[in-house]
Amino acid sequence: MEKDIGKITKNDTTEILVRIDDFGGRRGLTIREFVTSERYTGFTKAGVRIQSADFPKLKEMINSISEEDMTMPEEPAPEGVPSDEGKVAPAPKKGQATLTKPGDKENLPDY
């Protein structure tokens, strides 16, 4: 038995598929990536399978998450930094490249 519950688009070629299925004679919930590309179409190894006996615990955990939990808090911008657009990127770590425009090679780390 396979019952597709739904899917979420991850990017142009990948979706997250949620389905109830039987695997090895056991029913469970499968959440896996499904790729559609020129080279390969099908499930990837990325995903998880929840046994039917563990589903109530998963459901309880999911239901305990509020919409507020999933909302990013708005942090005030540091002084001198525009708050709406043009956010400043964090300072690069030691040895990390800091390209500012295409073709800029001045700040590449030495290897």
Protein backbone atom coordinates (compact mmCIF):
# COMPACT_ATOMS: atom_id res chain seq x y z
CA MET A 1 0.00 0.00 0.00
CA GLU A 2 1.31 3.42 -0.94
CA LYS A 3 -0.55 6.63 -0.22
CA ASP A 4 1.05 9.93 -1.22
CA ILE A 5 0.22 12.61 1.36
CA GLY A 6 1.85 15.59 -0.32
CA LYS A 7 5.02 17.22 -1.54
CA ILE A 8 6.99 20.39 -0.97
CA THR A 9 9.17 21.97 -3.65
CA LYS A 10 12.79 22.22 -2.49
CA ASN A 11 14.28 23.61 -5.72
CA ASP A 12 13.88 23.34 -9.52
CA THR A 13 14.71 19.63 -9.60
CA THR A 14 13.93 18.36 -6.10
CA GLU A 15 10.74 17.87 -4.09
CA ILE A 16 10.22 16.51 -0.59
CA LEU A 17 7.66 13.72 -0.84
CA VAL A 18 5.60 12.53 2.14
CA ARG A 19 3.88 9.17 1.86
CA ILE A 20 2.54 6.27 3.86
CA ASP A 21 3.92 2.96 2.63
CA ASP A 22 4.75 -0.61 3.52
CA PHE A 23 8.42 -1.52 3.54
CA GLY A 24 9.64 -4.91 4.68
CA GLY A 25 6.11 -5.78 5.74
CA ARG A 26 5.89 -2.77 8.06
CA ARG A 27 3.77 0.31 7.56
CA GLY A 28 5.35 3.71 8.11
CA LEU A 29 5.67 7.33 7.09
CA THR A 30 8.38 8.09 4.53
CA ILE A 31 9.72 11.60 3.95
CA ARG A 32 12.24 11.58 1.09
CA GLU A 33 13.71 13.74 -1.62
CA PHE A 34 12.52 13.04 -5.17
CA VAL A 35 14.66 14.35 -8.04
CA THR A 36 13.57 14.98 -11.62
CA SER A 37 16.51 15.74 -13.93
CA GLU A 38 18.01 14.73 -17.27
CA ARG A 39 20.39 12.26 -15.60
CA TYR A 40 18.11 10.75 -12.95
CA THR A 41 14.49 10.71 -11.92
CA GLY A 42 13.53 9.08 -8.65
CA PHE A 43 14.11 9.02 -4.92
CA THR A 44 17.46 9.95 -3.44
CA LYS A 45 19.02 8.50 -0.31
CA ALA A 46 18.13 11.67 1.59
CA GLY A 47 15.13 11.17 3.81
CA VAL A 48 13.69 9.46 6.82
CA ARG A 49 11.23 6.68 7.58
CA ILE A 50 9.10 6.72 10.72
CA GLN A 51 7.65 3.38 11.82
CA SER A 52 3.89 3.41 12.39
CA ALA A 53 4.44 2.69 16.10
CA ASP A 54 6.46 5.94 16.39
CA PHE A 55 4.04 8.08 14.40
CA PRO A 56 2.00 9.28 17.44
CA LYS A 57 5.21 10.61 19.02
CA LEU A 58 6.19 12.41 15.77
CA LYS A 59 2.69 13.86 15.46
CA GLU A 60 2.84 15.13 19.06
CA MET A 61 6.23 16.76 18.40
CA ILE A 62 5.02 18.42 15.19
CA ASN A 63 1.82 19.64 16.83
CA SER A 64 3.82 21.18 19.69
CA ILE A 65 5.45 23.62 17.23
CA SER A 66 3.61 26.93 16.97
CA GLU A 67 3.54 29.29 14.01
CA GLU A 68 5.41 31.74 16.24
CA ASP A 69 8.20 29.17 16.73
CA MET A 70 8.72 29.13 12.97
CA THR A 71 8.87 32.91 12.57
CA MET A 72 12.27 34.58 12.53
CA PRO A 73 12.45 37.40 15.09
CA GLU A 74 13.15 40.81 13.64
CA GLU A 75 16.46 42.03 15.02
CA PRO A 76 17.27 45.72 15.01
CA ALA A 77 20.03 46.64 12.58
CA PRO A 78 23.33 47.79 14.11
CA GLU A 79 23.89 51.54 14.11
CA GLY A 80 24.83 52.92 10.72
CA VAL A 81 23.43 49.92 8.81
CA PRO A 82 20.26 50.38 6.74
CA SER A 83 17.46 48.30 8.24
CA ASP A 84 15.32 47.63 5.16
CA GLU A 85 17.66 46.84 2.26
CA GLY A 86 21.37 46.63 1.74
CA LYS A 87 22.09 44.51 4.78
CA VAL A 88 25.78 44.16 5.45
CA ALA A 89 27.27 40.68 5.16
CA PRO A 90 29.15 39.34 8.18
CA ALA A 91 32.92 39.79 8.19
CA PRO A 92 34.74 36.94 6.42
CA LYS A 93 36.56 34.33 8.48
CA LYS A 94 40.33 34.19 8.28
CA GLY A 95 41.35 32.85 4.87
CA GLN A 96 37.85 33.18 3.39
CA ALA A 97 37.50 34.85 0.00
CA THR A 98 35.63 38.17 -0.11
CA LEU A 99 34.71 38.80 -3.73
CA THR A 100 32.81 42.03 -4.17
CA LYS A 101 32.17 41.96 -7.91
CA PRO A 102 32.68 39.51 -10.77
CA GLY A 103 36.34 39.23 -11.64
CA ASP A 104 37.56 40.65 -8.29
CA LYS A 105 40.48 38.45 -7.24
CA GLU A 106 42.20 40.82 -4.83
CA ASN A 107 40.88 39.21 -1.63
CA LEU A 108 41.37 35.53 -2.46
CA PRO A 109 43.23 33.57 0.22
CA ASP A 110 46.70 32.24 -0.56
CA TYR A 111 46.88 28.44 -0.90
